[in-house]
Amino acid sequence: MGTHFTTGSATELRQLLPEDWDTWYDVLLRAFGGMPEPAEERELYRELTEFDRFFGVWDGDLCVGSAGAFRFGVTVPGGASVPAAGVTMVGVAATHRRRGVLTSMMRKQLDDVRSWGEPLAVLTASEPAIYGRFGYGVGTLQLGAEIDTSRVRLSVPAGTDDVRLRYADPVEAVDACESVYAALVPVRPGMLARLRPGWARVGVLDPEDGRDGASPLQCVVAERDGETVGYARYAVKPEWGVSGHNGAVHLRELAGVDAAAQAALWRFLFDIDLTTTLQVRGRPMDEAWQYQVSDIRRCRPRYRDGLFVRLVEVGAALQARTYQAPVDVVLEVEDAFCPWNSGRWRLSGDAKGASCERTRDAADLALSVRELGSAYLGGVSLASLGAAGRVRELRQGALAEASVGFGSAVAPWLPHGF
């Protein structure tokens, strides 16, 4: 039998069993609009499910709630990979809203994550307003764009012409692409070390009914001196009108081990025949192409939230990363949902390492665990949170010092959803 946990109101929270997975997953799909999912995608997510990390809420024989947590390593400033629970597949049946079902699942899940020794929990939010009350803060942003490639030119750095591009079958090229992805994981905070092999196949899922008139998934691999140095996955949506061709390139994924490899791939995408638009989403906020284009306005840049971060163990999480400038600060942390984090913590660290221990010393900054989650990967500054009234400075100068230390020279980025 699975682990049981009573939520009240005649409902029961229990560990997901393999024989219940289909019923459980159907409840999740209904909570997100009820659209059917292609068989290949459904089977892959079943394969990725670790049943001891997933659970459901049951009302008699009816499943009315779902939640789970994949295992990842999240890259933090300094390049370390920190064990993290990738919170996923959270849904509550509309018939059982406002009965405490979600709160009971969040309570159980964070207790579990702590027992697993994972100092972080991370998620993407269908409704961002939901998760702040459970201590999650927006830790990364994502860049989107709609680039008018008929009028925008791209300048490329030296070495770009040394990169050779070739078409590849997206499925056959999975291993080569995965090697590029793995090489980039330590480079940028927020990157996910994928601890189960099935994740490599998620990127090439391409159900025909999900293409919206676009081509099947295409793949271009970048090579230099016989080595794979990058790849792009994309689809082309043709459009013919009285004024000619106005097709669009839909970028799904792009990765390159250096500036030249990345530029070669972007230049290719800009120049695809019979297209005038390159649609981009979910990219790093500091991506270089923004500074290589001839007219950024005609790229229509926009941003949205990416990864939400929750420090499950404040001390362990803060000492797992490094700090780009020396920091010695006492944090007064408020964490109503995980009270073991509440209290004062002395954080001392620099670019070589850090320690974070409980202390009785006077606090320099006061903030909630939500703000710590936002600032943790270095993409949201403590100073900005202070200006918003979310961080209180109790020692003059402490906010500026800590804000610089917490920063990252490279913008954190979530490479894919989960």
Protein backbone atom coordinates (compact mmCIF):
# COMPACT_ATOMS: atom_id res chain seq x y z
CA MET A 1 0.00 0.00 0.00
CA GLY A 2 1.09 3.60 -0.54
CA THR A 3 1.87 6.07 2.17
CA HIS A 4 -1.29 7.60 3.61
CA PHE A 5 -1.84 11.16 4.75
CA THR A 6 -5.24 12.46 5.81
CA THR A 7 -6.37 15.81 4.37
CA GLY A 8 -9.72 16.00 6.09
CA SER A 9 -13.22 16.30 4.56
CA ALA A 10 -13.24 12.54 3.85
CA THR A 11 -10.33 12.81 1.40
CA GLU A 12 -7.11 10.85 1.61
CA LEU A 13 -3.65 11.70 0.31
CA ARG A 14 -1.58 8.68 -0.65
CA GLN A 15 1.43 7.69 -2.68
CA LEU A 16 0.74 7.03 -6.35
CA LEU A 17 0.67 3.36 -7.36
CA PRO A 18 1.45 2.16 -10.90
CA GLU A 19 -2.03 0.73 -11.34
CA ASP A 20 -3.56 4.14 -10.53
CA TRP A 21 -1.38 6.18 -12.89
CA ASP A 22 -3.80 6.44 -15.82
CA THR A 23 -6.69 7.55 -13.64
CA TRP A 24 -4.41 10.00 -11.82
CA TYR A 25 -3.05 11.44 -15.08
CA ASP A 26 -6.52 11.89 -16.55
CA VAL A 27 -7.46 13.98 -13.50
CA LEU A 28 -4.40 16.12 -14.13
CA LEU A 29 -5.26 16.62 -17.80
CA ARG A 30 -8.81 17.64 -16.88
CA ALA A 31 -7.48 20.21 -14.42
CA PHE A 32 -5.47 21.75 -17.28
CA GLY A 33 -8.35 21.97 -19.73
CA GLY A 34 -9.14 18.38 -20.59
CA MET A 35 -7.33 18.15 -23.92
CA PRO A 36 -6.22 14.60 -24.77
CA GLU A 37 -2.48 13.96 -24.94
CA PRO A 38 -0.69 12.02 -27.70
CA ALA A 39 0.06 8.44 -26.72
CA GLU A 40 3.83 8.87 -27.17
CA GLU A 41 3.95 11.86 -24.82
CA ARG A 42 1.73 10.20 -22.27
CA GLU A 43 3.88 7.08 -22.20
CA LEU A 44 7.08 9.07 -21.86
CA TYR A 45 5.80 10.95 -18.83
CA ARG A 46 4.70 7.67 -17.29
CA GLU A 47 8.25 6.41 -17.82
CA LEU A 48 9.64 9.54 -16.10
CA THR A 49 7.34 9.13 -13.10
CA GLU A 50 9.14 7.98 -9.95
CA PHE A 51 6.22 6.61 -8.01
CA ASP A 52 7.71 7.16 -4.55
CA ARG A 53 7.86 10.91 -5.38
CA PHE A 54 4.29 11.27 -6.70
CA PHE A 55 0.96 11.15 -4.89
CA GLY A 56 -2.72 11.82 -5.30
CA VAL A 57 -5.69 12.89 -3.23
CA TRP A 58 -8.65 10.55 -3.29
CA ASP A 59 -12.25 11.08 -2.32
CA GLY A 60 -13.47 7.52 -1.98
CA ASP A 61 -12.78 5.91 -5.36
CA LEU A 62 -12.31 9.27 -7.09
CA CYS A 63 -8.91 10.88 -7.63
CA VAL A 64 -9.33 14.61 -7.05
CA GLY A 65 -5.75 15.90 -6.76
CA SER A 66 -2.28 15.21 -8.15
CA ALA A 67 1.30 16.29 -7.47
CA GLY A 68 4.81 14.99 -7.95
CA ALA A 69 8.49 15.90 -7.97
CA PHE A 70 11.10 14.94 -10.51
CA ARG A 71 14.76 14.65 -9.44
CA PHE A 72 17.06 17.28 -10.92
CA GLY A 73 20.31 18.98 -10.18
CA VAL A 74 20.01 22.77 -10.49
CA THR A 75 23.13 24.73 -11.37
CA VAL A 76 23.77 27.58 -8.93
CA PRO A 77 26.22 30.52 -9.08
CA GLY A 78 29.69 29.03 -8.93
CA GLY A 79 28.75 26.06 -11.12
CA ALA A 80 27.73 23.50 -8.49
CA SER A 81 24.73 21.29 -9.16
CA VAL A 82 22.38 21.28 -6.15
CA PRO A 83 19.83 18.45 -5.67
CA ALA A 84 16.36 19.81 -6.30
CA ALA A 85 12.79 18.58 -6.46
CA GLY A 86 11.18 19.59 -9.74
CA VAL A 87 7.59 20.07 -8.60
CA THR A 88 5.23 19.02 -11.36
CA MET A 89 1.78 17.79 -12.38
CA VAL A 90 -0.01 19.71 -9.63
CA GLY A 91 -3.73 19.81 -10.14
CA VAL A 92 -6.97 19.81 -8.16
CA ALA A 93 -10.35 18.74 -9.54
CA ALA A 94 -12.72 21.70 -9.93
CA THR A 95 -15.23 19.84 -7.77
CA HIS A 96 -12.81 19.95 -4.82
CA ARG A 97 -11.39 23.46 -4.95
CA ARG A 98 -11.11 25.56 -1.79
CA ARG A 99 -11.14 22.55 0.51
CA GLY A 100 -7.45 22.65 1.42
CA VAL A 101 -6.44 19.95 -1.07
CA LEU A 102 -3.63 21.99 -2.62
CA THR A 103 -2.33 23.12 0.76
CA SER A 104 -2.26 19.55 2.01
CA MET A 105 -0.29 18.44 -1.06
CA MET A 106 2.21 21.30 -0.70
CA ARG A 107 2.63 20.47 2.98
CA LYS A 108 3.28 16.79 2.29
CA GLN A 109 5.56 17.50 -0.62
CA LEU A 110 7.87 19.97 1.15
CA ASP A 111 8.13 17.63 4.13
CA ASP A 112 9.11 14.86 1.70
CA VAL A 113 11.66 17.03 -0.10
CA ARG A 114 13.28 17.86 3.21
CA SER A 115 13.42 14.18 4.16
CA TRP A 116 15.09 13.39 0.82
CA GLY A 117 17.91 15.83 1.63
CA GLU A 118 17.14 18.12 -1.31
CA PRO A 119 17.64 21.76 -0.24
CA LEU A 120 15.70 23.21 -3.18
CA ALA A 121 12.28 22.83 -4.74
CA VAL A 122 11.59 24.40 -8.13
CA LEU A 123 8.58 24.67 -10.41
CA THR A 124 6.99 26.44 -13.33
CA ALA A 125 3.61 27.97 -12.60
CA SER A 126 0.47 27.87 -14.70
CA GLU A 127 -0.86 30.55 -12.32
CA PRO A 128 2.01 32.46 -10.66
CA ALA A 129 -0.18 33.92 -7.93
CA ILE A 130 -0.71 30.48 -6.39
CA TYR A 131 2.76 29.54 -5.22
CA GLY A 132 4.02 32.61 -3.38
CA ARG A 133 2.11 31.64 -0.29
CA PHE A 134 4.05 28.38 -0.19
CA GLY A 135 7.40 30.20 -0.29
CA TYR A 136 8.21 30.07 -4.01
CA GLY A 137 9.71 33.17 -5.62
CA VAL A 138 10.34 33.93 -9.30
CA GLY A 139 14.03 33.15 -9.77
CA THR A 140 14.46 33.33 -13.56
CA LEU A 141 12.89 35.21 -16.45
CA GLN A 142 12.57 34.07 -20.05
CA LEU A 143 12.99 36.10 -23.21
CA GLY A 144 10.66 35.85 -26.16
CA ALA A 145 10.73 37.64 -29.50
CA GLU A 146 9.08 37.86 -32.89
CA ILE A 147 11.91 38.85 -35.20
CA ASP A 148 11.23 40.41 -38.61
CA THR A 149 13.99 38.60 -40.46
CA SER A 150 13.09 40.36 -43.71
CA ARG A 151 14.36 43.65 -42.23
CA VAL A 152 16.68 42.71 -39.36
CA ARG A 153 20.29 41.78 -40.07
CA LEU A 154 22.59 39.84 -37.78
CA SER A 155 26.27 40.63 -37.16
CA VAL A 156 28.29 37.61 -36.10
CA PRO A 157 31.56 37.29 -34.16
CA ALA A 158 34.89 36.03 -35.44
CA GLY A 159 35.01 32.28 -35.84
CA THR A 160 31.41 31.88 -36.95
CA ASP A 161 32.42 30.84 -40.47
CA ASP A 162 34.50 27.99 -39.02
CA VAL A 163 31.32 26.27 -37.85
CA ARG A 164 29.76 23.76 -40.24
CA LEU A 165 26.02 23.12 -40.17
CA ARG A 166 24.21 20.02 -41.37
CA TYR A 167 20.65 18.78 -41.25
CA ALA A 168 20.05 15.81 -38.96
CA ASP A 169 17.13 13.62 -38.08
CA PRO A 170 15.94 14.99 -34.70
CA VAL A 171 15.61 11.54 -33.14
CA GLU A 172 18.86 10.15 -34.52
CA ALA A 173 20.73 13.26 -33.31
CA VAL A 174 19.44 13.08 -29.73
CA ASP A 175 22.67 11.75 -28.24
CA ALA A 176 24.85 14.34 -29.97
CA CYS A 177 22.53 17.14 -28.89
CA GLU A 178 22.42 15.82 -25.35
CA SER A 179 26.22 15.99 -25.14
CA VAL A 180 26.05 19.70 -25.99
CA TYR A 181 23.33 20.25 -23.42
CA ALA A 182 25.32 18.43 -20.73
CA ALA A 183 28.39 20.56 -21.45
CA LEU A 184 26.34 23.72 -20.87
CA VAL A 185 24.70 22.64 -17.60
CA PRO A 186 27.53 23.92 -15.32
CA VAL A 187 27.82 27.20 -17.21
CA ARG A 188 24.57 28.97 -16.38
CA PRO A 189 22.59 29.10 -13.10
CA GLY A 190 19.15 27.54 -13.40
CA MET A 191 20.23 24.84 -15.85
CA LEU A 192 18.85 21.41 -15.05
CA ALA A 193 21.00 18.31 -14.80
CA ARG A 194 18.63 15.69 -16.16
CA LEU A 195 19.04 12.62 -13.99
CA ARG A 196 16.85 10.26 -16.01
CA PRO A 197 17.60 9.44 -19.68
CA GLY A 198 14.02 9.96 -20.81
CA TRP A 199 14.38 13.72 -20.59
CA ALA A 200 16.51 13.77 -23.74
CA ARG A 201 13.51 12.42 -25.68
CA VAL A 202 11.11 15.09 -24.42
CA GLY A 203 12.81 17.62 -26.69
CA VAL A 204 11.96 15.66 -29.84
CA LEU A 205 8.32 14.91 -29.09
CA ASP A 206 6.45 16.13 -32.16
CA PRO A 207 2.80 15.05 -32.27
CA GLU A 208 1.22 15.87 -35.61
CA ASP A 209 -1.91 17.36 -34.04
CA GLY A 210 0.24 19.81 -32.08
CA ARG A 211 2.00 21.43 -35.05
CA ASP A 212 -0.73 24.00 -35.88
CA GLY A 213 0.08 23.90 -39.57
CA ALA A 214 3.86 23.90 -39.15
CA SER A 215 6.28 21.34 -40.55
CA PRO A 216 7.48 18.30 -38.64
CA LEU A 217 10.30 19.04 -36.23
CA GLN A 218 13.60 19.80 -37.97
CA CYS A 219 17.12 19.75 -36.59
CA VAL A 220 20.40 21.36 -37.60
CA VAL A 221 23.64 20.27 -35.94
CA ALA A 222 26.69 22.56 -35.69
CA GLU A 223 30.13 20.97 -35.98
CA ARG A 224 33.72 22.13 -35.79
CA ASP A 225 36.79 19.96 -36.30
CA GLY A 226 34.55 16.89 -36.31
CA GLU A 227 32.97 17.67 -32.95
CA THR A 228 29.34 18.60 -32.30
CA VAL A 229 29.31 22.12 -30.87
CA GLY A 230 25.63 23.06 -31.09
CA TYR A 231 22.19 22.31 -32.43
CA ALA A 232 18.85 23.93 -33.20
CA ARG A 233 15.42 22.31 -33.27
CA TYR A 234 12.70 24.19 -35.08
CA ALA A 235 9.69 23.98 -37.37
CA VAL A 236 8.67 26.08 -40.35
CA LYS A 237 5.13 27.29 -40.88
CA PRO A 238 4.70 28.37 -44.53
CA GLU A 239 2.38 31.18 -45.47
CA TRP A 240 1.64 32.24 -49.03
CA GLY A 241 -0.20 35.42 -49.95
CA VAL A 242 -0.71 37.83 -52.82
CA SER A 243 2.40 39.72 -51.70
CA GLY A 244 4.59 36.62 -51.68
CA HIS A 245 5.98 34.32 -49.00
CA ASN A 246 5.62 35.18 -45.31
CA GLY A 247 6.51 31.95 -43.58
CA ALA A 248 7.56 31.75 -39.93
CA VAL A 249 10.31 29.79 -38.23
CA HIS A 250 9.27 28.48 -34.80
CA LEU A 251 12.38 27.91 -32.71
CA ARG A 252 11.98 25.05 -30.24
CA GLU A 253 15.52 24.77 -28.85
CA LEU A 254 19.00 26.13 -29.55
CA ALA A 255 22.28 25.45 -27.80
CA GLY A 256 25.91 26.14 -28.62
CA VAL A 257 29.06 25.59 -26.60
CA ASP A 258 30.50 29.01 -27.52
CA ALA A 259 29.64 32.33 -29.14
CA ALA A 260 30.62 31.24 -32.66
CA ALA A 261 28.50 28.08 -32.56
CA GLN A 262 25.50 30.01 -31.27
CA ALA A 263 25.90 32.74 -33.89
CA ALA A 264 26.14 30.21 -36.72
CA LEU A 265 22.83 28.70 -35.65
CA TRP A 266 21.09 32.05 -35.28
CA ARG A 267 22.36 33.19 -38.69
CA PHE A 268 20.97 30.01 -40.24
CA LEU A 269 17.56 30.59 -38.67
CA PHE A 270 17.51 34.21 -39.87
CA ASP A 271 18.19 33.11 -43.46
CA ILE A 272 15.77 30.21 -44.02
CA ASP A 273 14.19 30.61 -47.45
CA LEU A 274 10.54 31.67 -47.83
CA THR A 275 10.29 32.96 -44.24
CA THR A 276 10.09 36.48 -42.86
CA THR A 277 9.58 35.86 -39.14
CA LEU A 278 11.52 34.02 -36.47
CA GLN A 279 9.41 33.27 -33.41
CA VAL A 280 11.42 32.76 -30.25
CA ARG A 281 10.36 31.95 -26.71
CA GLY A 282 11.85 30.78 -23.45
CA ARG A 283 15.39 32.05 -24.10
CA PRO A 284 17.99 33.50 -21.64
CA MET A 285 17.48 37.17 -20.83
CA ASP A 286 21.10 38.05 -21.68
CA GLU A 287 21.32 36.12 -24.95
CA ALA A 288 23.89 37.59 -27.34
CA TRP A 289 21.70 37.87 -30.45
CA GLN A 290 19.99 40.91 -28.91
CA TYR A 291 23.27 42.81 -29.33
CA GLN A 292 24.00 41.43 -32.80
CA VAL A 293 20.78 42.53 -34.52
CA SER A 294 20.52 45.69 -36.58
CA ASP A 295 17.18 46.77 -35.08
CA ILE A 296 16.06 45.42 -31.70
CA ARG A 297 12.64 47.12 -32.01
CA ARG A 298 11.77 44.95 -34.98
CA CYS A 299 12.48 41.91 -32.81
CA ARG A 300 9.62 42.74 -30.43
CA PRO A 301 11.34 41.42 -27.30
CA ARG A 302 9.22 40.46 -24.31
CA TYR A 303 9.70 38.53 -21.11
CA ARG A 304 7.80 36.33 -18.70
CA ASP A 305 8.43 34.37 -15.53
CA GLY A 306 10.43 31.17 -15.76
CA LEU A 307 11.59 29.09 -12.81
CA PHE A 308 10.12 29.53 -9.33
CA VAL A 309 12.58 28.69 -6.56
CA ARG A 310 11.89 27.55 -2.99
CA LEU A 311 14.64 27.12 -0.38
CA VAL A 312 13.63 24.02 1.55
CA GLU A 313 16.73 24.13 3.77
CA VAL A 314 17.97 27.72 3.98
CA GLY A 315 21.38 26.94 5.45
CA ALA A 316 22.24 24.13 3.06
CA ALA A 317 20.99 26.04 0.02
CA LEU A 318 22.83 29.29 0.74
CA GLN A 319 26.13 27.56 1.39
CA ALA A 320 25.85 25.43 -1.74
CA ARG A 321 26.47 28.42 -4.03
CA THR A 322 29.26 30.97 -4.26
CA TYR A 323 29.06 34.78 -4.18
CA GLN A 324 30.58 37.08 -6.77
CA ALA A 325 31.71 39.55 -4.10
CA PRO A 326 32.50 38.88 -0.43
CA VAL A 327 29.40 38.84 1.74
CA ASP A 328 29.02 38.64 5.51
CA VAL A 329 25.43 39.27 6.49
CA VAL A 330 22.91 38.13 9.09
CA LEU A 331 19.54 37.34 7.52
CA GLU A 332 16.31 37.37 9.52
CA VAL A 333 14.24 34.85 7.57
CA GLU A 334 10.50 34.48 7.87
CA ASP A 335 9.03 31.18 6.66
CA ALA A 336 5.55 30.45 7.96
CA PHE A 337 5.02 27.35 5.81
CA CYS A 338 8.36 25.69 6.64
CA PRO A 339 9.07 27.08 10.12
CA TRP A 340 12.37 25.19 10.45
CA ASN A 341 13.83 27.91 8.23
CA SER A 342 12.63 30.85 10.32
CA GLY A 343 15.14 32.78 12.39
CA ARG A 344 18.55 34.35 11.95
CA TRP A 345 21.24 32.96 9.67
CA ARG A 346 24.78 34.28 9.25
CA LEU A 347 25.89 33.94 5.64
CA SER A 348 29.58 34.38 4.94
CA GLY A 349 30.94 33.69 1.49
CA ASP A 350 32.85 34.73 -1.60
CA ALA A 351 33.77 33.33 -5.00
CA LYS A 352 35.47 30.31 -3.40
CA GLY A 353 32.67 29.09 -1.13
CA ALA A 354 30.29 29.93 1.69
CA SER A 355 28.98 28.96 5.09
CA CYS A 356 25.54 29.62 6.50
CA GLU A 357 24.79 28.89 10.14
CA ARG A 358 22.20 29.88 12.72
CA THR A 359 23.15 32.83 14.89
CA ARG A 360 21.90 35.06 17.68
CA ASP A 361 23.67 38.11 16.26
CA ALA A 362 21.65 41.17 15.30
CA ALA A 363 20.05 40.92 11.87
CA ASP A 364 21.30 43.01 8.94
CA LEU A 365 18.46 42.21 6.52
CA ALA A 366 14.93 40.91 7.06
CA LEU A 367 13.08 39.05 4.33
CA SER A 368 10.88 36.05 3.71
CA VAL A 369 11.97 32.78 2.16
CA ARG A 370 10.12 33.84 -0.98
CA GLU A 371 12.55 36.72 -1.56
CA LEU A 372 15.49 34.40 -0.91
CA GLY A 373 14.13 32.11 -3.61
CA SER A 374 13.91 34.98 -6.09
CA ALA A 375 17.46 36.15 -5.39
CA TYR A 376 19.03 32.71 -5.02
CA LEU A 377 20.16 32.14 -8.61
CA GLY A 378 21.41 35.69 -9.08
CA GLY A 379 18.83 36.93 -11.56
CA VAL A 380 16.71 39.08 -9.22
CA SER A 381 18.62 41.60 -7.16
CA LEU A 382 18.05 41.99 -3.44
CA ALA A 383 18.30 45.74 -3.98
CA SER A 384 15.33 45.65 -6.36
CA LEU A 385 13.36 43.59 -3.87
CA GLY A 386 14.29 46.12 -1.21
CA ALA A 387 13.04 48.98 -3.38
CA ALA A 388 9.78 47.06 -3.72
CA GLY A 389 9.47 46.84 0.07
CA ARG A 390 10.12 43.11 0.10
CA VAL A 391 13.50 43.25 1.90
CA ARG A 392 14.12 45.44 4.96
CA GLU A 393 17.60 46.83 5.60
CA LEU A 394 18.41 46.78 9.30
CA ARG A 395 22.11 47.73 8.99
CA GLN A 396 23.00 50.59 6.69
CA GLY A 397 24.87 49.37 3.64
CA ALA A 398 23.99 45.72 4.14
CA LEU A 399 21.48 45.62 1.28
CA ALA A 400 23.91 46.91 -1.35
CA GLU A 401 26.67 44.59 -0.15
CA ALA A 402 24.47 41.51 -0.18
CA SER A 403 22.85 42.44 -3.49
CA VAL A 404 26.21 42.56 -5.27
CA GLY A 405 27.31 39.31 -3.67
CA PHE A 406 24.14 37.44 -4.64
CA GLY A 407 24.37 38.54 -8.27
CA SER A 408 25.48 36.46 -11.24
CA ALA A 409 27.55 37.52 -14.24
CA VAL A 410 25.38 35.19 -16.35
CA ALA A 411 21.61 35.48 -16.25
CA PRO A 412 19.99 32.37 -14.77
CA TRP A 413 17.78 30.44 -17.14
CA LEU A 414 15.41 27.50 -17.15
CA PRO A 415 16.21 25.53 -20.33
CA HIS A 416 12.92 23.60 -20.52
CA GLY A 417 9.74 22.97 -18.65
CA PHE A 418 8.88 19.90 -16.66
